Protein backbone atom coordinates (compact mmCIF):
# COMPACT_ATOMS: atom_id res chain seq x y z
CA MET A 1 -15.36 8.57 -2.45
CA LEU A 2 -19.15 8.93 -2.65
CA ASP A 3 -19.57 6.27 0.04
CA LEU A 4 -17.33 8.32 2.31
CA LEU A 5 -19.26 11.51 1.58
CA ASN A 6 -22.55 9.79 2.36
CA ASN A 7 -21.29 8.38 5.68
CA LEU A 8 -23.41 10.05 8.38
CA TYR A 9 -20.50 10.17 10.84
CA VAL A 10 -18.35 12.02 8.31
CA LEU A 11 -21.21 14.40 7.53
CA PHE A 12 -21.79 15.00 11.24
CA ILE A 13 -18.12 15.85 11.80
CA GLY A 14 -18.21 18.12 8.74
CA THR A 15 -21.29 19.91 10.09
CA ILE A 16 -19.59 20.53 13.43
CA ALA A 17 -16.48 21.82 11.64
CA ILE A 18 -18.56 24.28 9.61
CA ALA A 19 -20.34 25.50 12.75
CA VAL A 20 -17.04 25.98 14.59
CA LEU A 21 -15.51 27.84 11.65
CA GLY A 22 -18.62 30.02 11.46
CA TYR A 23 -18.29 30.86 15.13
CA LYS A 24 -14.56 31.53 14.87
CA GLY A 25 -15.15 33.73 11.86
CA ARG A 26 -17.87 35.61 13.79
CA ALA A 27 -20.49 34.69 11.22
CA LEU A 28 -22.35 32.72 13.91
CA SER A 29 -22.99 33.31 17.59
CA LYS A 30 -22.69 30.40 20.05
CA SER A 31 -26.41 29.72 19.79
CA GLY A 32 -26.21 30.07 16.01
CA SER A 33 -23.44 27.46 15.89
CA ILE A 34 -25.50 24.97 17.87
CA ALA A 35 -28.54 25.62 15.68
CA THR A 36 -26.38 25.12 12.58
CA ILE A 37 -25.32 21.69 13.83
CA ILE A 38 -28.94 20.69 14.48
CA VAL A 39 -30.08 21.87 11.05
CA GLY A 40 -27.07 20.21 9.42
CA VAL A 41 -27.72 16.84 11.06
CA PHE A 42 -31.32 16.75 9.84
CA ILE A 43 -30.32 17.78 6.31
CA ALA A 44 -27.48 15.26 6.22
CA ASN A 45 -29.86 12.49 7.25
CA GLY A 46 -32.35 13.44 4.55
CA PHE A 47 -30.28 14.60 1.60
CA GLY A 48 -26.71 13.61 2.46
CA TRP A 49 -23.70 15.61 1.30
CA LYS A 50 -25.65 17.18 -1.56
CA GLY A 51 -28.13 18.73 0.86
CA LEU A 52 -25.34 19.96 3.13
CA LEU A 53 -23.50 21.45 0.16
CA LEU A 54 -26.60 23.33 -0.97
CA ILE A 55 -27.45 24.79 2.46
CA GLY A 56 -23.73 25.43 2.96
CA ILE A 57 -23.60 27.54 -0.20
CA PHE A 58 -26.43 29.65 1.19
CA PHE A 59 -24.77 30.18 4.58
CA VAL A 60 -21.28 30.79 3.20
CA THR A 61 -22.31 33.23 0.46
CA SER A 62 -24.64 35.07 2.83
CA SER A 63 -21.86 35.43 5.40
CA VAL A 64 -19.41 36.60 2.74
CA TRP A 65 -21.79 39.27 1.47
CA SER A 66 -22.57 40.33 5.05
CA LYS A 67 -18.87 40.65 5.95
CA TRP A 68 -18.12 42.48 2.70
CA LYS A 69 -21.01 44.90 3.27
CA LYS A 70 -20.04 45.64 6.86
CA GLY A 71 -18.87 49.22 7.22
CA LYS A 72 -20.01 50.14 3.71
CA ASP A 73 -23.58 51.13 4.62
CA GLU A 74 -25.62 52.32 7.59
CA THR A 75 -28.41 49.73 7.62
CA SER A 76 -27.25 48.43 11.01
CA LYS A 77 -28.95 51.52 12.43
CA VAL A 78 -32.22 50.45 10.83
CA VAL A 79 -32.37 46.63 10.79
CA GLU A 80 -32.88 44.65 13.97
CA LYS A 81 -29.90 42.25 13.75
CA GLY A 82 -26.34 42.37 12.53
CA SER A 83 -24.08 40.07 10.53
CA GLN A 84 -23.52 37.49 13.29
CA ARG A 85 -26.37 34.99 13.04
CA ASP A 86 -28.01 33.70 16.22
CA TRP A 87 -30.11 30.55 16.62
CA ILE A 88 -33.33 32.34 15.65
CA GLN A 89 -31.85 33.53 12.35
CA VAL A 90 -30.42 30.08 11.62
CA PHE A 91 -33.77 28.38 12.23
CA ALA A 92 -35.66 31.13 10.35
CA ASN A 93 -33.67 30.30 7.21
CA GLY A 94 -32.74 26.65 7.82
CA GLY A 95 -35.81 25.42 9.72
CA ILE A 96 -38.00 24.69 6.69
CA PRO A 97 -35.17 22.88 4.83
CA ALA A 98 -34.53 20.83 7.98
CA VAL A 99 -38.20 19.85 8.29
CA ALA A 100 -38.34 19.01 4.57
CA SER A 101 -35.28 16.79 5.07
CA ILE A 102 -36.92 14.93 7.94
CA LEU A 103 -40.09 14.35 5.91
CA PHE A 104 -38.06 13.23 2.88
CA SER A 105 -36.08 10.72 4.98
CA VAL A 106 -39.39 9.19 6.10
CA SER A 107 -41.31 9.23 2.84
CA GLU A 108 -38.70 9.75 0.08
CA SER A 109 -41.33 11.82 -1.72
CA SER A 110 -39.99 14.18 -4.40
CA LEU A 111 -42.36 16.84 -3.06
CA PHE A 112 -40.14 17.31 -0.02
CA TRP A 113 -37.11 17.71 -2.29
CA ILE A 114 -39.02 20.48 -4.08
CA ALA A 115 -39.80 22.10 -0.72
CA PHE A 116 -36.17 21.74 0.36
CA VAL A 117 -34.52 23.36 -2.65
CA THR A 118 -37.22 26.02 -2.98
CA ALA A 119 -36.78 27.03 0.65
CA ILE A 120 -33.04 27.47 0.16
CA ALA A 121 -33.62 29.39 -3.09
CA VAL A 122 -35.95 31.80 -1.28
CA SER A 123 -33.52 32.25 1.62
CA THR A 124 -30.62 32.91 -0.74
CA SER A 125 -32.59 35.27 -2.96
CA ASP A 126 -33.87 37.30 -0.01
CA THR A 127 -30.54 37.38 1.83
CA TRP A 128 -28.56 38.43 -1.23
CA ALA A 129 -31.07 41.21 -1.85
CA SER A 130 -30.84 42.36 1.78
CA GLU A 131 -27.04 42.27 1.90
CA ILE A 132 -26.22 43.66 -1.56
CA GLY A 133 -29.16 46.01 -2.14
CA PRO A 134 -28.13 48.61 0.48
CA LEU A 135 -24.84 49.11 -1.39
CA SER A 136 -26.76 50.84 -4.20
CA ASN A 137 -25.89 54.50 -4.72
CA LYS A 138 -29.59 55.36 -4.70
CA ARG A 139 -32.07 54.98 -1.87
CA PRO A 140 -34.59 52.14 -2.44
CA LEU A 141 -38.25 52.55 -3.35
CA SER A 142 -41.16 51.49 -1.16
CA ILE A 143 -42.75 48.52 -2.94
CA PHE A 144 -46.23 50.11 -2.62
CA SER A 145 -45.82 53.89 -2.64
CA LEU A 146 -42.72 53.84 -4.90
CA LYS A 147 -41.32 56.69 -2.81
CA ARG A 148 -37.67 56.83 -1.79
CA VAL A 149 -37.06 55.45 1.72
CA GLU A 150 -34.05 54.86 3.95
CA LYS A 151 -31.69 52.03 3.06
CA GLY A 152 -32.49 48.89 5.02
CA THR A 153 -36.20 49.71 5.28
CA SER A 154 -38.36 46.57 5.20
CA GLY A 155 -40.67 46.50 2.21
CA ALA A 156 -38.32 48.46 -0.06
CA ILE A 157 -36.70 47.43 -3.34
CA SER A 158 -33.82 48.61 -5.51
CA LEU A 159 -32.50 47.60 -8.91
CA LEU A 160 -29.27 46.31 -7.37
CA GLY A 161 -31.11 44.35 -4.69
CA THR A 162 -33.59 42.89 -7.17
CA THR A 163 -30.76 41.82 -9.48
CA ALA A 164 -28.94 40.22 -6.55
CA ALA A 165 -32.15 38.39 -5.56
CA LEU A 166 -32.52 36.98 -9.06
CA PHE A 167 -28.91 35.80 -9.22
CA GLY A 168 -29.18 34.23 -5.76
CA SER A 169 -32.18 32.20 -6.86
CA ILE A 170 -30.48 31.25 -10.14
CA ILE A 171 -27.35 29.98 -8.36
CA ILE A 172 -29.26 27.71 -5.96
CA SER A 173 -31.59 26.45 -8.70
CA LEU A 174 -28.72 25.68 -11.05
CA ILE A 175 -26.68 23.85 -8.42
CA SER A 176 -29.77 21.90 -7.33
CA VAL A 177 -30.54 20.50 -10.78
CA VAL A 178 -26.86 19.74 -11.39
CA LEU A 179 -26.48 17.84 -8.11
CA TRP A 180 -29.71 15.87 -8.54
CA ASP A 181 -29.73 15.60 -12.36
CA GLY A 182 -32.85 17.72 -12.64
CA SER A 183 -34.45 19.08 -15.79
CA ILE A 184 -34.50 22.57 -17.26
CA GLU A 185 -38.17 22.74 -16.29
CA LEU A 186 -37.27 22.11 -12.65
CA PHE A 187 -34.55 24.74 -12.84
CA LEU A 188 -37.00 27.34 -14.15
CA MET A 189 -39.61 26.42 -11.56
CA ILE A 190 -37.26 26.57 -8.56
CA CYS A 191 -35.66 29.77 -9.81
CA THR A 192 -39.05 31.44 -10.32
CA PHE A 193 -40.41 30.48 -6.92
CA GLY A 194 -37.17 31.46 -5.21
CA PHE A 195 -37.46 34.91 -6.75
CA ILE A 196 -41.18 35.15 -5.96
CA GLY A 197 -40.46 34.21 -2.35
CA CYS A 198 -38.13 37.18 -2.06
CA PHE A 199 -40.91 39.50 -3.19
CA LEU A 200 -43.37 37.87 -0.79
CA ASP A 201 -40.86 38.61 1.97
CA THR A 202 -40.74 42.24 0.81
CA ILE A 203 -44.54 42.53 0.77
CA LEU A 204 -44.81 41.10 4.28
CA GLY A 205 -42.04 43.43 5.38
CA ALA A 206 -44.00 46.39 4.06
CA THR A 207 -47.34 45.37 5.56
CA VAL A 208 -47.14 43.32 8.75
CA GLN A 209 -43.54 43.57 9.96
CA VAL A 210 -43.11 45.79 13.00
CA LYS A 211 -41.60 49.23 12.55
CA TYR A 212 -40.57 51.82 15.09
CA ARG A 213 -39.51 55.46 14.95
CA CYS A 214 -36.77 56.97 17.05
CA SER A 215 -38.17 59.66 19.35
CA LYS A 216 -34.82 61.44 19.31
CA CYS A 217 -33.61 61.47 15.68
CA GLY A 218 -36.92 60.65 13.99
CA LYS A 219 -35.53 57.80 11.87
CA SER A 220 -37.51 54.64 11.07
CA THR A 221 -35.95 51.53 12.58
CA GLU A 222 -36.56 47.91 13.60
CA HIS A 223 -34.76 48.49 16.90
CA ARG A 224 -36.69 48.88 20.14
CA ILE A 225 -33.88 51.13 21.36
CA HIS A 226 -32.34 53.84 19.17
CA CYS A 227 -30.13 56.77 20.17
CA ASN A 228 -30.32 55.31 23.71
CA GLU A 229 -34.06 56.00 23.73
CA VAL A 230 -37.09 53.69 23.61
CA THR A 231 -38.55 53.86 20.10
CA ILE A 232 -42.19 54.51 19.18
CA HIS A 233 -44.23 51.75 17.51
CA THR A 234 -45.52 53.14 14.19
CA SER A 235 -46.81 50.18 12.16
CA GLY A 236 -46.96 46.42 11.82
CA SER A 237 -47.46 43.79 14.50
CA THR A 238 -45.07 43.80 17.44
CA PHE A 239 -45.03 40.00 17.17
CA VAL A 240 -43.83 40.03 13.57
CA ASN A 241 -40.13 40.83 13.22
CA ASN A 242 -37.80 40.06 10.32
CA ASP A 243 -37.30 36.43 11.41
CA VAL A 244 -41.06 35.79 11.43
CA VAL A 245 -41.36 37.36 7.98
CA ASN A 246 -38.48 35.21 6.69
CA ILE A 247 -39.84 31.88 7.86
CA THR A 248 -43.38 32.77 6.73
CA SER A 249 -42.30 33.67 3.21
CA ILE A 250 -40.11 30.56 2.96
CA LEU A 251 -42.88 28.26 4.23
CA PHE A 252 -45.65 29.57 1.97
CA THR A 253 -43.46 29.77 -1.13
CA SER A 254 -42.29 26.17 -0.59
CA ILE A 255 -45.91 25.03 -0.26
CA PHE A 256 -46.92 26.92 -3.41
CA ALA A 257 -43.99 25.35 -5.29
CA CYS A 258 -45.12 21.86 -4.24
CA ILE A 259 -48.70 22.58 -5.33
CA PHE A 260 -47.45 23.88 -8.67
CA TYR A 261 -45.25 20.78 -9.11
CA VAL A 262 -48.21 18.45 -8.50
CA PHE A 263 -50.88 20.18 -10.56
CA VAL A 264 -48.87 21.88 -13.30
């Protein structure tokens, strides 16, 4: 059975099936489906069915939370993108794991396994916080000013979102050490860095991520167009959107986790 699961042709077919199902279920756009296949192939080559299962858990749970949240909050009016993931979103969350898989397949260094699982832990932690947090009955707090802000505002935190972030990191860390027979120390390390990565994402969202204000209704938004009007740039870099923040936080947290693993 394990030989069949580790067969690259079987894994390739499985990756295509997942991408097609994601597209049919409107969790992925056409470009997102293609990007999913590319990411899946690299991960399958590096970490086999275990790697695909881990990244699959991230994508499936994130899509489930996104679908469940849809219609229950108004963050779509604030955040730049919706629940259907395009190729940029797929690579923003799956790009670092894919690169780590390539490097692992070449070197078989445990450092790239650390980078791989940490990257997925960060992605899961951040996505769960973003999808579940807005369902809180209270508006979130700005991470710096601690003032109440609109739901979906980058750089804001809530108790519900923070709790979701922690559980997201715990789930990925636990499954990782079970699949690869890791230690409790590895579990704690991956879980901690996954959670830290979510907060790094929040800090970057509050400081450098672009924000606009609608000239018609006055609301803060990530959209360039709001209320059929061109929005006004208020803060952050116009080159730094949510996808850039995601991949930056994932990359740096994965590097920090590897450094910690080597020296501590």
